[in-house]
Amino acid sequence: MSTLATCEHWIDTAQGKLFAQQWVPQQAQGAPIVLLHDSLGCVALWREFPAQLAQASGHRVIAYDRLGFGRSDAHPGRLRLGFVEDEARQGFTALRDYFAIGDFIVFGHSVGGGMAVACAAAFANQCLGLITESAQAFVEARTLEGIRAADLQFAEPGQLQRLMRYHGGKAEWVLRAWVDNWLADDFAEWNLDAVLAQVRCPLLSLHGDNDEFGSPAHPERLVALAGGPGLMQLLQACGHVPHREQPERVLAAVLQFLR
């Protein structure tokens, strides 16, 4: 088993500093894999997965906290319609510039999956592979029901403290950025259709059959509308966080895709 070098980085942007971490195998090969977290996530909440992915694949793996999340600086305002697509030209571009990344593979979880699609579309000539996990391709009733239920849960005593462990004083902003954007009237017609048409690389779309935030209609639409070849894998008896619930199956699917 090869050893991994892990390093932390701080990336300056016009809006504030972004926190990033990378996991580098001894004999790193191929393009780096960049991880994009979910609506309440951050680098720390990927837990062991980035190291497991780097170890298993031999690729350098890089994850970063979007502005307003985790160890990155607070967001100066609020997220607005288009924030999913805009990440490609904002935090992701700053990360690529900082690490001098040319060709890359992008892996996004949940809303990070939508952002990964936008990154693959924006840099179609450099993106060699796109992996989405539990990604939403449009606004579905199941998604909104799951968000409303989570919002009620976080309103209970002590629940917001769970988020504060990872986001500190930004926790309330993180929660509202998720809930209020997705439930907003002007977000109801949002979808990734136009962005998907600009994707040129191969796509692997992973989705749990018990995902409480989206039905299999999402990976079906991602694969159907992506401009490159697409492959969908529905994980049985799995919820919204496959890389935590079924890491071996996720890693096996990703390794097969990378080959």
C-alpha atoms as a PDB file:
ATOM      1  CA  MET A   1       0.000   0.000   0.000  1.00  0.00           C
ATOM      2  CA  SER A   2       1.549   3.295  -1.119  1.00  0.00           C
ATOM      3  CA  THR A   3       1.708   6.224   1.275  1.00  0.00           C
ATOM      4  CA  LEU A   4      -0.357   9.353   0.697  1.00  0.00           C
ATOM      5  CA  ALA A   5       0.906  12.883   1.165  1.00  0.00           C
ATOM      6  CA  THR A   6      -1.832  15.208   2.400  1.00  0.00           C
ATOM      7  CA  CYS A   7      -1.514  18.990   2.410  1.00  0.00           C
ATOM      8  CA  GLU A   8      -3.777  21.898   3.239  1.00  0.00           C
ATOM      9  CA  HIS A   9      -3.966  25.031   1.102  1.00  0.00           C
ATOM     10  CA  TRP A  10      -5.542  28.491   1.243  1.00  0.00           C
ATOM     11  CA  ILE A  11      -6.614  30.050  -2.047  1.00  0.00           C
ATOM     12  CA  ASP A  12      -7.069  33.818  -2.347  1.00  0.00           C
ATOM     13  CA  THR A  13     -10.111  35.010  -4.317  1.00  0.00           C
ATOM     14  CA  ALA A  14     -11.686  38.440  -4.756  1.00  0.00           C
ATOM     15  CA  GLN A  15     -14.417  37.475  -2.258  1.00  0.00           C
ATOM     16  CA  GLY A  16     -12.262  35.719   0.349  1.00  0.00           C
ATOM     17  CA  LYS A  17     -10.011  32.752   1.077  1.00  0.00           C
ATOM     18  CA  LEU A  18     -10.971  29.198   0.088  1.00  0.00           C
ATOM     19  CA  PHE A  19      -9.728  26.167   2.011  1.00  0.00           C
ATOM     20  CA  ALA A  20      -8.519  23.187  -0.025  1.00  0.00           C
ATOM     21  CA  GLN A  21      -6.885  19.869   0.770  1.00  0.00           C
ATOM     22  CA  GLN A  22      -5.142  17.384  -1.472  1.00  0.00           C
ATOM     23  CA  TRP A  23      -4.243  13.706  -1.191  1.00  0.00           C
ATOM     24  CA  VAL A  24      -1.301  12.706  -3.364  1.00  0.00           C
ATOM     25  CA  PRO A  25      -0.234   9.074  -3.918  1.00  0.00           C
ATOM     26  CA  GLN A  26       3.499   8.379  -4.056  1.00  0.00           C
ATOM     27  CA  GLN A  27       3.323   7.505  -7.759  1.00  0.00           C
ATOM     28  CA  ALA A  28       0.477   9.827  -8.736  1.00  0.00           C
ATOM     29  CA  GLN A  29      -0.800   9.230 -12.272  1.00  0.00           C
ATOM     30  CA  GLY A  30      -3.291  10.762 -14.653  1.00  0.00           C
ATOM     31  CA  ALA A  31      -5.398  13.880 -14.212  1.00  0.00           C
ATOM     32  CA  PRO A  32      -6.320  15.092 -10.725  1.00  0.00           C
ATOM     33  CA  ILE A  33      -9.821  14.327  -9.424  1.00  0.00           C
ATOM     34  CA  VAL A  34     -11.542  17.395  -7.949  1.00  0.00           C
ATOM     35  CA  LEU A  35     -14.334  16.818  -5.397  1.00  0.00           C
ATOM     36  CA  LEU A  36     -17.298  19.203  -5.065  1.00  0.00           C
ATOM     37  CA  HIS A  37     -19.301  18.928  -1.828  1.00  0.00           C
ATOM     38  CA  ASP A  38     -23.056  18.973  -1.193  1.00  0.00           C
ATOM     39  CA  SER A  39     -25.317  21.769   0.134  1.00  0.00           C
ATOM     40  CA  LEU A  40     -24.392  21.297   3.809  1.00  0.00           C
ATOM     41  CA  GLY A  41     -20.965  19.798   3.171  1.00  0.00           C
ATOM     42  CA  CYS A  42     -17.300  20.720   3.283  1.00  0.00           C
ATOM     43  CA  VAL A  43     -13.908  19.020   2.946  1.00  0.00           C
ATOM     44  CA  ALA A  44     -14.109  17.491   6.442  1.00  0.00           C
ATOM     45  CA  LEU A  45     -17.478  15.878   5.695  1.00  0.00           C
ATOM     46  CA  TRP A  46     -15.994  13.820   2.847  1.00  0.00           C
ATOM     47  CA  ARG A  47     -14.304  12.005   5.781  1.00  0.00           C
ATOM     48  CA  GLU A  48     -12.142   9.059   4.615  1.00  0.00           C
ATOM     49  CA  PHE A  49     -13.385   9.038   1.030  1.00  0.00           C
ATOM     50  CA  PRO A  50     -10.777  11.341  -0.616  1.00  0.00           C
ATOM     51  CA  ALA A  51      -7.922   9.292   0.836  1.00  0.00           C
ATOM     52  CA  GLN A  52      -9.629   6.043  -0.194  1.00  0.00           C
ATOM     53  CA  LEU A  53     -10.147   7.369  -3.717  1.00  0.00           C
ATOM     54  CA  ALA A  54      -6.545   8.560  -4.083  1.00  0.00           C
ATOM     55  CA  GLN A  55      -5.225   5.271  -2.708  1.00  0.00           C
ATOM     56  CA  ALA A  56      -7.413   3.098  -4.931  1.00  0.00           C
ATOM     57  CA  SER A  57      -7.091   5.105  -8.149  1.00  0.00           C
ATOM     58  CA  GLY A  58      -3.516   6.397  -7.967  1.00  0.00           C
ATOM     59  CA  HIS A  59      -4.835   9.849  -8.944  1.00  0.00           C
ATOM     60  CA  ARG A  60      -4.217  13.009  -6.953  1.00  0.00           C
ATOM     61  CA  VAL A  61      -7.480  14.020  -5.262  1.00  0.00           C
ATOM     62  CA  ILE A  62      -8.321  17.639  -4.366  1.00  0.00           C
ATOM     63  CA  ALA A  63     -11.337  18.851  -2.352  1.00  0.00           C
ATOM     64  CA  TYR A  64     -12.217  22.415  -1.414  1.00  0.00           C
ATOM     65  CA  ASP A  65     -14.728  24.288   0.729  1.00  0.00           C
ATOM     66  CA  ARG A  66     -16.868  26.643  -1.339  1.00  0.00           C
ATOM     67  CA  LEU A  67     -17.032  30.241  -0.141  1.00  0.00           C
ATOM     68  CA  GLY A  68     -19.233  30.352   2.968  1.00  0.00           C
ATOM     69  CA  PHE A  69     -18.643  26.690   3.878  1.00  0.00           C
ATOM     70  CA  GLY A  70     -16.312  24.753   6.174  1.00  0.00           C
ATOM     71  CA  ARG A  71     -12.984  26.466   6.723  1.00  0.00           C
ATOM     72  CA  SER A  72     -13.348  28.925   3.838  1.00  0.00           C
ATOM     73  CA  ASP A  73     -14.208  32.567   4.511  1.00  0.00           C
ATOM     74  CA  ALA A  74     -17.791  33.684   5.065  1.00  0.00           C
ATOM     75  CA  HIS A  75     -19.823  34.512   1.960  1.00  0.00           C
ATOM     76  CA  PRO A  76     -20.368  38.287   1.690  1.00  0.00           C
ATOM     77  CA  GLY A  77     -24.008  37.992   0.602  1.00  0.00           C
ATOM     78  CA  ARG A  78     -26.493  35.273  -0.205  1.00  0.00           C
ATOM     79  CA  LEU A  79     -26.597  32.706  -2.969  1.00  0.00           C
ATOM     80  CA  ARG A  80     -28.714  33.700  -5.947  1.00  0.00           C
ATOM     81  CA  LEU A  81     -30.345  31.881  -8.846  1.00  0.00           C
ATOM     82  CA  GLY A  82     -27.558  30.540 -11.055  1.00  0.00           C
ATOM     83  CA  PHE A  83     -25.233  29.710  -8.136  1.00  0.00           C
ATOM     84  CA  VAL A  84     -24.959  26.069  -9.270  1.00  0.00           C
ATOM     85  CA  GLU A  85     -23.705  26.994 -12.743  1.00  0.00           C
ATOM     86  CA  ASP A  86     -21.630  29.957 -11.490  1.00  0.00           C
ATOM     87  CA  GLU A  87     -19.352  27.806  -9.293  1.00  0.00           C
ATOM     88  CA  ALA A  88     -17.487  26.673 -12.417  1.00  0.00           C
ATOM     89  CA  ARG A  89     -16.285  30.246 -13.064  1.00  0.00           C
ATOM     90  CA  GLN A  90     -15.809  31.156  -9.420  1.00  0.00           C
ATOM     91  CA  GLY A  91     -14.338  28.814  -6.788  1.00  0.00           C
ATOM     92  CA  PHE A  92     -13.518  26.048  -9.248  1.00  0.00           C
ATOM     93  CA  THR A  93     -11.621  28.401 -11.564  1.00  0.00           C
ATOM     94  CA  ALA A  94      -9.694  29.832  -8.593  1.00  0.00           C
ATOM     95  CA  LEU A  95      -8.755  26.281  -7.577  1.00  0.00           C
ATOM     96  CA  ARG A  96      -7.607  25.370 -11.102  1.00  0.00           C
ATOM     97  CA  ASP A  97      -5.481  28.504 -11.295  1.00  0.00           C
ATOM     98  CA  TYR A  98      -3.942  27.941  -7.858  1.00  0.00           C
ATOM     99  CA  PHE A  99      -2.939  24.328  -8.561  1.00  0.00           C
ATOM    100  CA  ALA A 100      -2.140  25.032 -12.251  1.00  0.00           C
ATOM    101  CA  ILE A 101      -4.537  22.256 -13.277  1.00  0.00           C
ATOM    102  CA  GLY A 102      -4.858  21.475 -16.985  1.00  0.00           C
ATOM    103  CA  ASP A 103      -6.813  18.303 -17.675  1.00  0.00           C
ATOM    104  CA  PHE A 104      -9.004  17.157 -14.788  1.00  0.00           C
ATOM    105  CA  ILE A 105     -11.713  14.746 -13.664  1.00  0.00           C
ATOM    106  CA  VAL A 106     -14.550  16.219 -11.593  1.00  0.00           C
ATOM    107  CA  PHE A 107     -16.648  14.365  -8.976  1.00  0.00           C
ATOM    108  CA  GLY A 108     -19.619  16.106  -7.351  1.00  0.00           C
ATOM    109  CA  HIS A 109     -22.029  14.997  -4.628  1.00  0.00           C
ATOM    110  CA  SER A 110     -25.656  16.249  -4.547  1.00  0.00           C
ATOM    111  CA  VAL A 111     -25.703  19.947  -5.563  1.00  0.00           C
ATOM    112  CA  GLY A 112     -21.955  19.518  -6.057  1.00  0.00           C
ATOM    113  CA  GLY A 113     -22.917  17.078  -8.813  1.00  0.00           C
ATOM    114  CA  GLY A 114     -24.771  19.856 -10.604  1.00  0.00           C
ATOM    115  CA  MET A 115     -21.731  22.075 -10.128  1.00  0.00           C
ATOM    116  CA  ALA A 116     -19.529  19.287 -11.514  1.00  0.00           C
ATOM    117  CA  VAL A 117     -21.711  19.211 -14.637  1.00  0.00           C
ATOM    118  CA  ALA A 118     -21.213  22.983 -14.980  1.00  0.00           C
ATOM    119  CA  CYS A 119     -17.427  22.563 -14.588  1.00  0.00           C
ATOM    120  CA  ALA A 120     -17.348  19.828 -17.248  1.00  0.00           C
ATOM    121  CA  ALA A 121     -19.355  22.072 -19.580  1.00  0.00           C
ATOM    122  CA  ALA A 122     -17.359  25.247 -18.935  1.00  0.00           C
ATOM    123  CA  PHE A 123     -14.021  23.472 -19.506  1.00  0.00           C
ATOM    124  CA  ALA A 124     -15.132  20.876 -22.027  1.00  0.00           C
ATOM    125  CA  ASN A 125     -11.672  20.606 -23.617  1.00  0.00           C
ATOM    126  CA  GLN A 126      -9.917  19.941 -20.282  1.00  0.00           C
ATOM    127  CA  CYS A 127     -12.485  17.759 -18.494  1.00  0.00           C
ATOM    128  CA  LEU A 128     -11.620  14.099 -19.111  1.00  0.00           C
ATOM    129  CA  GLY A 129     -14.362  12.612 -16.948  1.00  0.00           C
ATOM    130  CA  LEU A 130     -17.463  13.662 -14.986  1.00  0.00           C
ATOM    131  CA  ILE A 131     -18.784  11.716 -11.991  1.00  0.00           C
ATOM    132  CA  THR A 132     -22.018  12.703 -10.268  1.00  0.00           C
ATOM    133  CA  GLU A 133     -23.289  11.147  -7.057  1.00  0.00           C
ATOM    134  CA  SER A 134     -26.878  11.770  -5.866  1.00  0.00           C
ATOM    135  CA  ALA A 135     -27.003  14.811  -8.154  1.00  0.00           C
ATOM    136  CA  GLN A 136     -30.176  16.774  -8.885  1.00  0.00           C
ATOM    137  CA  ALA A 137     -30.781  17.568 -12.562  1.00  0.00           C
ATOM    138  CA  PHE A 138     -34.004  19.544 -11.961  1.00  0.00           C
ATOM    139  CA  VAL A 139     -36.354  20.534  -9.121  1.00  0.00           C
ATOM    140  CA  GLU A 140     -38.422  17.509  -8.109  1.00  0.00           C
ATOM    141  CA  ALA A 141     -41.201  17.251  -5.524  1.00  0.00           C
ATOM    142  CA  ARG A 142     -39.206  14.602  -3.631  1.00  0.00           C
ATOM    143  CA  THR A 143     -36.246  16.982  -3.377  1.00  0.00           C
ATOM    144  CA  LEU A 144     -38.402  19.772  -1.934  1.00  0.00           C
ATOM    145  CA  GLU A 145     -40.125  17.394   0.527  1.00  0.00           C
ATOM    146  CA  GLY A 146     -36.729  16.171   1.756  1.00  0.00           C
ATOM    147  CA  ILE A 147     -35.489  19.747   2.206  1.00  0.00           C
ATOM    148  CA  ARG A 148     -38.627  20.806   4.113  1.00  0.00           C
ATOM    149  CA  ALA A 149     -38.260  17.793   6.419  1.00  0.00           C
ATOM    150  CA  ALA A 150     -34.576  18.580   7.026  1.00  0.00           C
ATOM    151  CA  ASP A 151     -35.402  22.236   7.754  1.00  0.00           C
ATOM    152  CA  LEU A 152     -37.886  21.149  10.450  1.00  0.00           C
ATOM    153  CA  GLN A 153     -35.292  18.774  11.900  1.00  0.00           C
ATOM    154  CA  PHE A 154     -32.646  21.511  12.106  1.00  0.00           C
ATOM    155  CA  ALA A 155     -35.133  23.743  13.938  1.00  0.00           C
ATOM    156  CA  GLU A 156     -35.105  21.299  16.886  1.00  0.00           C
ATOM    157  CA  PRO A 157     -32.887  22.126  19.898  1.00  0.00           C
ATOM    158  CA  GLY A 158     -29.217  21.254  19.408  1.00  0.00           C
ATOM    159  CA  GLN A 159     -29.523  20.336  15.726  1.00  0.00           C
ATOM    160  CA  LEU A 160     -27.845  23.464  14.342  1.00  0.00           C
ATOM    161  CA  GLN A 161     -24.847  22.691  16.587  1.00  0.00           C
ATOM    162  CA  ARG A 162     -24.165  19.675  14.355  1.00  0.00           C
ATOM    163  CA  LEU A 163     -23.549  22.060  11.457  1.00  0.00           C
ATOM    164  CA  MET A 164     -21.533  24.448  13.631  1.00  0.00           C
ATOM    165  CA  ARG A 165     -18.963  21.697  14.222  1.00  0.00           C
ATOM    166  CA  TYR A 166     -18.035  21.977  10.535  1.00  0.00           C
ATOM    167  CA  HIS A 167     -19.064  25.524   9.531  1.00  0.00           C
ATOM    168  CA  GLY A 168     -18.630  27.452  12.805  1.00  0.00           C
ATOM    169  CA  GLY A 169     -20.513  30.746  12.883  1.00  0.00           C
ATOM    170  CA  LYS A 170     -21.453  30.285   9.213  1.00  0.00           C
ATOM    171  CA  ALA A 171     -23.804  27.358  10.019  1.00  0.00           C
ATOM    172  CA  GLU A 172     -27.058  29.343   9.889  1.00  0.00           C
ATOM    173  CA  TRP A 173     -26.017  30.882   6.552  1.00  0.00           C
ATOM    174  CA  VAL A 174     -25.190  27.405   5.183  1.00  0.00           C
ATOM    175  CA  LEU A 175     -28.596  26.033   6.194  1.00  0.00           C
ATOM    176  CA  ARG A 176     -30.533  29.004   4.785  1.00  0.00           C
ATOM    177  CA  ALA A 177     -28.473  28.977   1.575  1.00  0.00           C
ATOM    178  CA  TRP A 178     -29.696  25.433   0.993  1.00  0.00           C
ATOM    179  CA  VAL A 179     -33.299  25.629   2.163  1.00  0.00           C
ATOM    180  CA  ASP A 180     -34.267  29.109   1.003  1.00  0.00           C
ATOM    181  CA  ASN A 181     -32.760  28.797  -2.493  1.00  0.00           C
ATOM    182  CA  TRP A 182     -34.325  25.441  -3.321  1.00  0.00           C
ATOM    183  CA  LEU A 183     -37.737  26.406  -1.935  1.00  0.00           C
ATOM    184  CA  ALA A 184     -37.762  29.827  -3.657  1.00  0.00           C
ATOM    185  CA  ASP A 185     -40.410  30.377  -6.353  1.00  0.00           C
ATOM    186  CA  ASP A 186     -37.825  31.536  -8.894  1.00  0.00           C
ATOM    187  CA  PHE A 187     -35.896  28.273  -8.491  1.00  0.00           C
ATOM    188  CA  ALA A 188     -38.880  26.056  -9.373  1.00  0.00           C
ATOM    189  CA  GLU A 189     -38.046  25.879 -13.098  1.00  0.00           C
ATOM    190  CA  TRP A 190     -34.288  25.376 -12.588  1.00  0.00           C
ATOM    191  CA  ASN A 191     -32.642  22.473 -14.425  1.00  0.00           C
ATOM    192  CA  LEU A 192     -29.315  21.448 -15.932  1.00  0.00           C
ATOM    193  CA  ASP A 193     -30.621  20.667 -19.429  1.00  0.00           C
ATOM    194  CA  ALA A 194     -28.775  23.433 -21.326  1.00  0.00           C
ATOM    195  CA  VAL A 195     -25.533  22.870 -19.391  1.00  0.00           C
ATOM    196  CA  LEU A 196     -25.621  19.102 -19.937  1.00  0.00           C
ATOM    197  CA  ALA A 197     -25.719  19.635 -23.700  1.00  0.00           C
ATOM    198  CA  GLN A 198     -22.287  21.331 -23.465  1.00  0.00           C
ATOM    199  CA  VAL A 199     -20.615  18.357 -21.723  1.00  0.00           C
ATOM    200  CA  ARG A 200     -18.259  16.417 -24.000  1.00  0.00           C
ATOM    201  CA  CYS A 201     -16.532  13.938 -21.685  1.00  0.00           C
ATOM    202  CA  PRO A 202     -17.776  10.547 -20.436  1.00  0.00           C
ATOM    203  CA  LEU A 203     -20.230  10.717 -17.516  1.00  0.00           C
ATOM    204  CA  LEU A 204     -20.800   8.269 -14.651  1.00  0.00           C
ATOM    205  CA  SER A 205     -23.959   9.029 -12.667  1.00  0.00           C
ATOM    206  CA  LEU A 206     -24.308   7.189  -9.339  1.00  0.00           C
ATOM    207  CA  HIS A 207     -27.588   7.285  -7.415  1.00  0.00           C
ATOM    208  CA  GLY A 208     -29.050   5.429  -4.439  1.00  0.00           C
ATOM    209  CA  ASP A 209     -32.454   3.830  -4.999  1.00  0.00           C
ATOM    210  CA  ASN A 210     -33.539   5.129  -1.555  1.00  0.00           C
ATOM    211  CA  ASP A 211     -32.228   8.686  -2.055  1.00  0.00           C
ATOM    212  CA  GLU A 212     -34.537  10.916   0.004  1.00  0.00           C
ATOM    213  CA  PHE A 213     -33.624  13.989  -2.069  1.00  0.00           C
ATOM    214  CA  GLY A 214     -34.195  12.658  -5.579  1.00  0.00           C
ATOM    215  CA  SER A 215     -35.614   9.785  -7.602  1.00  0.00           C
ATOM    216  CA  PRO A 216     -33.790   7.812 -10.346  1.00  0.00           C
ATOM    217  CA  ALA A 217     -35.284  10.347 -12.784  1.00  0.00           C
ATOM    218  CA  HIS A 218     -32.210  12.495 -12.041  1.00  0.00           C
ATOM    219  CA  PRO A 219     -29.442  10.135 -13.216  1.00  0.00           C
ATOM    220  CA  GLU A 220     -31.686   9.107 -16.117  1.00  0.00           C
ATOM    221  CA  ARG A 221     -31.953  12.733 -17.251  1.00  0.00           C
ATOM    222  CA  LEU A 222     -28.236  13.393 -16.692  1.00  0.00           C
ATOM    223  CA  VAL A 223     -27.239  10.452 -18.878  1.00  0.00           C
ATOM    224  CA  ALA A 224     -29.901  11.140 -21.522  1.00  0.00           C
ATOM    225  CA  LEU A 225     -29.013  14.811 -22.019  1.00  0.00           C
ATOM    226  CA  ALA A 226     -25.227  14.843 -21.516  1.00  0.00           C
ATOM    227  CA  GLY A 227     -23.298  15.630 -24.681  1.00  0.00           C
ATOM    228  CA  GLY A 228     -20.780  12.833 -24.036  1.00  0.00           C
ATOM    229  CA  PRO A 229     -21.263   9.098 -23.447  1.00  0.00           C
ATOM    230  CA  GLY A 230     -23.125   8.443 -20.190  1.00  0.00           C
ATOM    231  CA  LEU A 231     -23.453   5.538 -17.786  1.00  0.00           C
ATOM    232  CA  MET A 232     -25.929   5.356 -14.905  1.00  0.00           C
ATOM    233  CA  GLN A 233     -25.546   3.091 -11.875  1.00  0.00           C
ATOM    234  CA  LEU A 234     -28.400   2.719  -9.390  1.00  0.00           C
ATOM    235  CA  LEU A 235     -27.102   1.541  -6.011  1.00  0.00           C
ATOM    236  CA  GLN A 236     -29.482  -0.800  -4.218  1.00  0.00           C
ATOM    237  CA  ALA A 237     -30.556  -0.151  -0.602  1.00  0.00           C
ATOM    238  CA  CYS A 238     -28.648   3.140  -0.622  1.00  0.00           C
ATOM    239  CA  GLY A 239     -29.630   6.681   0.387  1.00  0.00           C
ATOM    240  CA  HIS A 240     -28.292  10.133  -0.428  1.00  0.00           C
ATOM    241  CA  VAL A 241     -24.631   9.666   0.617  1.00  0.00           C
ATOM    242  CA  PRO A 242     -23.327   6.567  -1.220  1.00  0.00           C
ATOM    243  CA  HIS A 243     -19.640   7.353  -0.585  1.00  0.00           C
ATOM    244  CA  ARG A 244     -20.365   7.038   3.145  1.00  0.00           C
ATOM    245  CA  GLU A 245     -23.040   4.328   3.032  1.00  0.00           C
ATOM    246  CA  GLN A 246     -21.459   2.067   0.388  1.00  0.00           C
ATOM    247  CA  PRO A 247     -17.868   3.273  -0.159  1.00  0.00           C
ATOM    248  CA  GLU A 248     -16.642  -0.023  -1.624  1.00  0.00           C
ATOM    249  CA  ARG A 249     -19.321  -0.027  -4.311  1.00  0.00           C
ATOM    250  CA  VAL A 250     -18.726   3.639  -5.140  1.00  0.00           C
ATOM    251  CA  LEU A 251     -14.964   3.117  -5.402  1.00  0.00           C
ATOM    252  CA  ALA A 252     -15.414   0.018  -7.572  1.00  0.00           C
ATOM    253  CA  ALA A 253     -17.732   1.914  -9.936  1.00  0.00           C
ATOM    254  CA  VAL A 254     -15.364   4.888 -10.132  1.00  0.00           C
ATOM    255  CA  LEU A 255     -12.289   2.707 -10.782  1.00  0.00           C
ATOM    256  CA  GLN A 256     -14.099   0.863 -13.565  1.00  0.00           C
ATOM    257  CA  PHE A 257     -15.120   4.212 -15.065  1.00  0.00           C
ATOM    258  CA  LEU A 258     -11.565   5.594 -14.866  1.00  0.00           C
ATOM    259  CA  ARG A 259     -10.194   2.570 -16.709  1.00  0.00           C
END
